[in-house]
Amino acid sequence: FFFGICFGAFQKFDSIVELLNLLYCMAALLEFAAFLYLRWRHPCWPRPYRVPLPLWGCCLLLLPTVLMTIVIIVLAGWRQKVTLLAVVLGSCILWPLLRLMKHNEWMEFNE
């Protein structure tokens, strides 16, 4: 949160909007990947809603959205791409650290 405020204080409004769009695009790609992974690995799990397509149909359904999301990422400015890369790498570092903290009970977690 503090990093976001400090970063936003030195940027133009359109740069902040572009960065937020990139972060949303990465979140959407992650959701799409999770959807396809769960359809592939656990096709019989109960779900809150039904998508009446096989796996290849789901891939075709998501293909235009994924391509447009990739276009948005490619067309972004280099500062936003560097920031996006830093966020992704930081998340990849913090996730195992969080699991280690939970495993060793260094902090109390509400589940």
N, C-alpha and C. Protein backbone atom coordinates (compact mmCIF):
# COMPACT_ATOMS: atom_id res chain seq x y z
N PHE A 1 0.82 -1.18 0.00
CA PHE A 1 0.00 0.00 0.00
C PHE A 1 0.87 1.25 0.00
N PHE A 2 1.87 1.26 0.86
CA PHE A 2 2.77 2.41 0.95
C PHE A 2 3.53 2.60 -0.36
N PHE A 3 3.99 1.49 -0.95
CA PHE A 3 4.69 1.56 -2.24
C PHE A 3 3.79 2.15 -3.31
N GLY A 4 2.53 1.77 -3.31
CA GLY A 4 1.60 2.28 -4.31
C GLY A 4 1.39 3.78 -4.17
N ILE A 5 1.31 4.25 -2.95
CA ILE A 5 1.13 5.69 -2.73
C ILE A 5 2.39 6.44 -3.15
N CYS A 6 3.55 5.93 -2.79
CA CYS A 6 4.81 6.58 -3.17
C CYS A 6 5.00 6.56 -4.68
N PHE A 7 4.67 5.46 -5.30
CA PHE A 7 4.81 5.36 -6.75
C PHE A 7 3.85 6.32 -7.44
N GLY A 8 2.62 6.36 -6.97
CA GLY A 8 1.61 7.20 -7.60
C GLY A 8 1.87 8.68 -7.43
N ALA A 9 2.58 9.06 -6.40
CA ALA A 9 2.82 10.47 -6.14
C ALA A 9 3.75 11.08 -7.20
N PHE A 10 4.56 10.28 -7.84
CA PHE A 10 5.53 10.79 -8.80
C PHE A 10 5.17 10.47 -10.25
N GLN A 11 3.97 9.99 -10.49
CA GLN A 11 3.56 9.60 -11.84
C GLN A 11 2.42 10.47 -12.33
N LYS A 12 2.27 10.54 -13.63
CA LYS A 12 1.13 11.20 -14.22
C LYS A 12 -0.09 10.29 -14.10
N PHE A 13 -1.26 10.90 -14.19
CA PHE A 13 -2.50 10.14 -14.02
C PHE A 13 -2.63 9.03 -15.05
N ASP A 14 -2.32 9.31 -16.31
CA ASP A 14 -2.47 8.28 -17.34
C ASP A 14 -1.48 7.13 -17.14
N SER A 15 -0.31 7.41 -16.56
CA SER A 15 0.63 6.32 -16.25
C SER A 15 0.09 5.42 -15.15
N ILE A 16 -0.55 6.02 -14.17
CA ILE A 16 -1.15 5.23 -13.09
C ILE A 16 -2.28 4.36 -13.63
N VAL A 17 -3.11 4.92 -14.49
CA VAL A 17 -4.22 4.16 -15.08
C VAL A 17 -3.67 3.01 -15.93
N GLU A 18 -2.62 3.28 -16.69
CA GLU A 18 -2.02 2.23 -17.52
C GLU A 18 -1.45 1.10 -16.65
N LEU A 19 -0.80 1.46 -15.55
CA LEU A 19 -0.25 0.45 -14.66
C LEU A 19 -1.37 -0.38 -14.03
N LEU A 20 -2.44 0.27 -13.61
CA LEU A 20 -3.55 -0.47 -13.03
C LEU A 20 -4.20 -1.40 -14.05
N ASN A 21 -4.28 -0.96 -15.30
CA ASN A 21 -4.79 -1.84 -16.36
C ASN A 21 -3.89 -3.05 -16.55
N LEU A 22 -2.58 -2.84 -16.50
CA LEU A 22 -1.65 -3.97 -16.65
C LEU A 22 -1.80 -4.95 -15.49
N LEU A 23 -1.92 -4.43 -14.28
CA LEU A 23 -2.09 -5.32 -13.13
C LEU A 23 -3.40 -6.11 -13.24
N TYR A 24 -4.44 -5.45 -13.71
CA TYR A 24 -5.71 -6.15 -13.93
C TYR A 24 -5.56 -7.22 -15.01
N CYS A 25 -4.83 -6.90 -16.08
CA CYS A 25 -4.61 -7.88 -17.15
C CYS A 25 -3.88 -9.11 -16.63
N MET A 26 -2.88 -8.91 -15.80
CA MET A 26 -2.15 -10.05 -15.23
C MET A 26 -3.06 -10.87 -14.32
N ALA A 27 -3.91 -10.20 -13.54
CA ALA A 27 -4.84 -10.93 -12.68
C ALA A 27 -5.84 -11.73 -13.53
N ALA A 28 -6.30 -11.15 -14.62
CA ALA A 28 -7.24 -11.86 -15.50
C ALA A 28 -6.57 -13.07 -16.13
N LEU A 29 -5.33 -12.92 -16.59
CA LEU A 29 -4.61 -14.07 -17.18
C LEU A 29 -4.42 -15.18 -16.15
N LEU A 30 -4.14 -14.80 -14.92
CA LEU A 30 -3.99 -15.80 -13.85
C LEU A 30 -5.31 -16.51 -13.59
N GLU A 31 -6.41 -15.78 -13.59
CA GLU A 31 -7.72 -16.40 -13.40
C GLU A 31 -8.05 -17.35 -14.55
N PHE A 32 -7.76 -16.95 -15.77
CA PHE A 32 -8.03 -17.81 -16.91
C PHE A 32 -7.19 -19.09 -16.83
N ALA A 33 -5.93 -18.94 -16.45
CA ALA A 33 -5.06 -20.11 -16.32
C ALA A 33 -5.58 -21.04 -15.23
N ALA A 34 -6.03 -20.49 -14.11
CA ALA A 34 -6.57 -21.32 -13.04
C ALA A 34 -7.84 -22.03 -13.49
N PHE A 35 -8.69 -21.33 -14.23
CA PHE A 35 -9.92 -21.94 -14.75
C PHE A 35 -9.59 -23.13 -15.64
N LEU A 36 -8.67 -22.94 -16.58
CA LEU A 36 -8.32 -24.03 -17.49
C LEU A 36 -7.62 -25.17 -16.76
N TYR A 37 -6.76 -24.83 -15.80
CA TYR A 37 -6.06 -25.87 -15.04
C TYR A 37 -7.06 -26.73 -14.25
N LEU A 38 -8.01 -26.10 -13.60
CA LEU A 38 -8.99 -26.87 -12.84
C LEU A 38 -9.90 -27.69 -13.74
N ARG A 39 -10.22 -27.17 -14.91
CA ARG A 39 -11.02 -27.95 -15.86
C ARG A 39 -10.25 -29.17 -16.35
N TRP A 40 -8.94 -29.03 -16.48
CA TRP A 40 -8.11 -30.11 -16.99
C TRP A 40 -7.81 -31.14 -15.90
N ARG A 41 -7.39 -30.68 -14.71
CA ARG A 41 -6.96 -31.60 -13.66
C ARG A 41 -8.10 -32.18 -12.82
N HIS A 42 -9.16 -31.42 -12.65
CA HIS A 42 -10.26 -31.84 -11.78
C HIS A 42 -11.61 -31.58 -12.47
N PRO A 43 -11.89 -32.32 -13.53
CA PRO A 43 -13.12 -32.04 -14.29
C PRO A 43 -14.40 -32.41 -13.55
N CYS A 44 -14.33 -33.25 -12.54
CA CYS A 44 -15.54 -33.71 -11.85
C CYS A 44 -15.81 -32.97 -10.54
N TRP A 45 -14.99 -32.04 -10.17
CA TRP A 45 -15.24 -31.29 -8.94
C TRP A 45 -16.52 -30.47 -9.06
N PRO A 46 -17.26 -30.36 -7.96
CA PRO A 46 -18.46 -29.52 -8.02
C PRO A 46 -18.07 -28.04 -8.17
N ARG A 47 -18.84 -27.32 -8.95
CA ARG A 47 -18.56 -25.91 -9.21
C ARG A 47 -19.82 -25.09 -8.96
N PRO A 48 -19.65 -23.81 -8.62
CA PRO A 48 -20.84 -22.99 -8.36
C PRO A 48 -21.64 -22.66 -9.63
N TYR A 49 -21.04 -22.83 -10.79
CA TYR A 49 -21.73 -22.60 -12.04
C TYR A 49 -21.21 -23.59 -13.07
N ARG A 50 -21.95 -23.76 -14.14
CA ARG A 50 -21.58 -24.75 -15.16
C ARG A 50 -21.26 -24.05 -16.47
N VAL A 51 -20.11 -24.39 -17.05
CA VAL A 51 -19.75 -23.94 -18.39
C VAL A 51 -19.88 -25.17 -19.29
N PRO A 52 -20.90 -25.19 -20.14
CA PRO A 52 -21.20 -26.42 -20.90
C PRO A 52 -20.29 -26.60 -22.12
N LEU A 53 -18.99 -26.56 -21.90
CA LEU A 53 -18.02 -26.75 -22.98
C LEU A 53 -16.94 -27.71 -22.52
N PRO A 54 -16.37 -28.48 -23.46
CA PRO A 54 -15.20 -29.28 -23.10
C PRO A 54 -13.98 -28.36 -22.94
N LEU A 55 -12.87 -28.92 -22.58
CA LEU A 55 -11.66 -28.13 -22.34
C LEU A 55 -11.25 -27.34 -23.59
N TRP A 56 -11.27 -27.97 -24.74
CA TRP A 56 -10.88 -27.25 -25.96
C TRP A 56 -11.86 -26.12 -26.26
N GLY A 57 -13.13 -26.29 -25.93
CA GLY A 57 -14.10 -25.22 -26.12
C GLY A 57 -13.85 -24.05 -25.18
N CYS A 58 -13.44 -24.37 -23.96
CA CYS A 58 -13.10 -23.30 -23.01
C CYS A 58 -11.87 -22.54 -23.49
N CYS A 59 -10.90 -23.26 -24.06
CA CYS A 59 -9.72 -22.59 -24.60
C CYS A 59 -10.11 -21.64 -25.74
N LEU A 60 -10.98 -22.11 -26.62
CA LEU A 60 -11.44 -21.25 -27.72
C LEU A 60 -12.25 -20.07 -27.20
N LEU A 61 -13.02 -20.29 -26.16
CA LEU A 61 -13.81 -19.21 -25.57
C LEU A 61 -12.92 -18.11 -24.99
N LEU A 62 -11.82 -18.50 -24.37
CA LEU A 62 -10.93 -17.53 -23.74
C LEU A 62 -9.88 -16.95 -24.69
N LEU A 63 -9.70 -17.55 -25.84
CA LEU A 63 -8.64 -17.13 -26.75
C LEU A 63 -8.72 -15.65 -27.15
N PRO A 64 -9.86 -15.11 -27.59
CA PRO A 64 -9.88 -13.69 -27.96
C PRO A 64 -9.53 -12.76 -26.79
N THR A 65 -10.03 -13.09 -25.62
CA THR A 65 -9.75 -12.26 -24.45
C THR A 65 -8.28 -12.31 -24.08
N VAL A 66 -7.70 -13.50 -24.13
CA VAL A 66 -6.27 -13.64 -23.81
C VAL A 66 -5.42 -12.88 -24.83
N LEU A 67 -5.76 -12.98 -26.10
CA LEU A 67 -5.00 -12.28 -27.13
C LEU A 67 -5.09 -10.76 -26.94
N MET A 68 -6.27 -10.25 -26.64
CA MET A 68 -6.42 -8.82 -26.42
C MET A 68 -5.67 -8.37 -25.17
N THR A 69 -5.66 -9.20 -24.15
CA THR A 69 -4.91 -8.88 -22.93
C THR A 69 -3.42 -8.83 -23.23
N ILE A 70 -2.93 -9.75 -24.02
CA ILE A 70 -1.51 -9.75 -24.39
C ILE A 70 -1.18 -8.51 -25.23
N VAL A 71 -2.08 -8.11 -26.11
CA VAL A 71 -1.86 -6.88 -26.89
C VAL A 71 -1.74 -5.68 -25.97
N ILE A 72 -2.59 -5.59 -24.96
CA ILE A 72 -2.53 -4.48 -24.01
C ILE A 72 -1.20 -4.47 -23.28
N ILE A 73 -0.71 -5.64 -22.90
CA ILE A 73 0.57 -5.72 -22.20
C ILE A 73 1.71 -5.32 -23.13
N VAL A 74 1.66 -5.76 -24.38
CA VAL A 74 2.72 -5.43 -25.34
C VAL A 74 2.76 -3.93 -25.64
N LEU A 75 1.60 -3.29 -25.72
CA LEU A 75 1.54 -1.88 -26.07
C LEU A 75 1.81 -0.94 -24.89
N ALA A 76 2.00 -1.48 -23.71
CA ALA A 76 2.24 -0.64 -22.53
C ALA A 76 3.63 -0.01 -22.59
N GLY A 77 3.78 1.05 -21.84
CA GLY A 77 5.07 1.72 -21.77
C GLY A 77 6.09 0.89 -21.00
N TRP A 78 7.36 1.22 -21.19
CA TRP A 78 8.41 0.40 -20.58
C TRP A 78 8.42 0.55 -19.06
N ARG A 79 8.08 1.71 -18.54
CA ARG A 79 8.05 1.89 -17.07
C ARG A 79 6.99 1.00 -16.44
N GLN A 80 5.84 0.93 -17.10
CA GLN A 80 4.77 0.09 -16.57
C GLN A 80 5.14 -1.38 -16.67
N LYS A 81 5.82 -1.76 -17.74
CA LYS A 81 6.26 -3.16 -17.87
C LYS A 81 7.27 -3.52 -16.79
N VAL A 82 8.20 -2.61 -16.50
CA VAL A 82 9.20 -2.87 -15.46
C VAL A 82 8.51 -2.99 -14.10
N THR A 83 7.56 -2.10 -13.84
CA THR A 83 6.82 -2.17 -12.58
C THR A 83 6.02 -3.46 -12.49
N LEU A 84 5.38 -3.84 -13.58
CA LEU A 84 4.62 -5.09 -13.61
C LEU A 84 5.54 -6.28 -13.36
N LEU A 85 6.70 -6.28 -13.97
CA LEU A 85 7.66 -7.36 -13.75
C LEU A 85 8.11 -7.40 -12.29
N ALA A 86 8.33 -6.23 -11.69
CA ALA A 86 8.72 -6.17 -10.29
C ALA A 86 7.62 -6.72 -9.39
N VAL A 87 6.37 -6.41 -9.71
CA VAL A 87 5.25 -6.91 -8.91
C VAL A 87 5.15 -8.43 -9.04
N VAL A 88 5.29 -8.94 -10.25
CA VAL A 88 5.20 -10.39 -10.45
C VAL A 88 6.35 -11.11 -9.75
N LEU A 89 7.57 -10.61 -9.90
CA LEU A 89 8.71 -11.23 -9.22
C LEU A 89 8.60 -11.11 -7.71
N GLY A 90 8.16 -9.96 -7.24
CA GLY A 90 7.95 -9.79 -5.80
C GLY A 90 6.92 -10.76 -5.25
N SER A 91 5.87 -10.99 -6.01
CA SER A 91 4.84 -11.95 -5.60
C SER A 91 5.40 -13.37 -5.57
N CYS A 92 6.24 -13.71 -6.54
CA CYS A 92 6.85 -15.04 -6.57
C CYS A 92 7.80 -15.24 -5.40
N ILE A 93 8.37 -14.17 -4.90
CA ILE A 93 9.25 -14.27 -3.72
C ILE A 93 8.44 -14.30 -2.43
N LEU A 94 7.40 -13.49 -2.36
CA LEU A 94 6.63 -13.38 -1.13
C LEU A 94 5.74 -14.59 -0.86
N TRP A 95 5.26 -15.27 -1.90
CA TRP A 95 4.39 -16.42 -1.69
C TRP A 95 5.08 -17.55 -0.92
N PRO A 96 6.28 -18.00 -1.32
CA PRO A 96 6.95 -19.04 -0.51
C PRO A 96 7.30 -18.54 0.89
N LEU A 97 7.63 -17.26 1.02
CA LEU A 97 7.92 -16.71 2.33
C LEU A 97 6.68 -16.76 3.23
N LEU A 98 5.53 -16.45 2.67
CA LEU A 98 4.29 -16.52 3.42
C LEU A 98 3.98 -17.95 3.84
N ARG A 99 4.20 -18.90 2.95
CA ARG A 99 3.97 -20.31 3.29
C ARG A 99 4.93 -20.77 4.39
N LEU A 100 6.19 -20.31 4.32
CA LEU A 100 7.16 -20.65 5.36
C LEU A 100 6.74 -20.07 6.71
N MET A 101 6.26 -18.84 6.71
CA MET A 101 5.81 -18.21 7.95
C MET A 101 4.61 -18.96 8.53
N LYS A 102 3.72 -19.40 7.66
CA LYS A 102 2.56 -20.15 8.14
C LYS A 102 2.96 -21.53 8.65
N HIS A 103 3.87 -22.19 7.96
CA HIS A 103 4.32 -23.53 8.37
C HIS A 103 5.04 -23.49 9.71
N ASN A 104 5.89 -22.49 9.91
CA ASN A 104 6.65 -22.38 11.16
C ASN A 104 5.90 -21.65 12.26
N GLU A 105 4.67 -21.23 11.96
CA GLU A 105 3.81 -20.52 12.91
C GLU A 105 4.48 -19.28 13.46
N TRP A 106 5.15 -18.54 12.60
CA TRP A 106 5.77 -17.27 13.00
C TRP A 106 4.72 -16.19 13.17
N MET A 107 3.58 -16.37 12.51
CA MET A 107 2.47 -15.44 12.61
C MET A 107 1.18 -16.25 12.74
N GLU A 108 0.16 -15.59 13.24
CA GLU A 108 -1.14 -16.25 13.35
C GLU A 108 -1.97 -15.92 12.12
N PHE A 109 -2.51 -16.94 11.48
CA PHE A 109 -3.29 -16.78 10.27
C PHE A 109 -4.73 -17.16 10.54
N ASN A 110 -5.65 -16.35 10.07
CA ASN A 110 -7.08 -16.70 10.14
C ASN A 110 -7.46 -17.40 8.86
N GLU A 111 -8.13 -18.52 8.99
CA GLU A 111 -8.52 -19.27 7.79
C GLU A 111 -9.99 -19.25 7.60
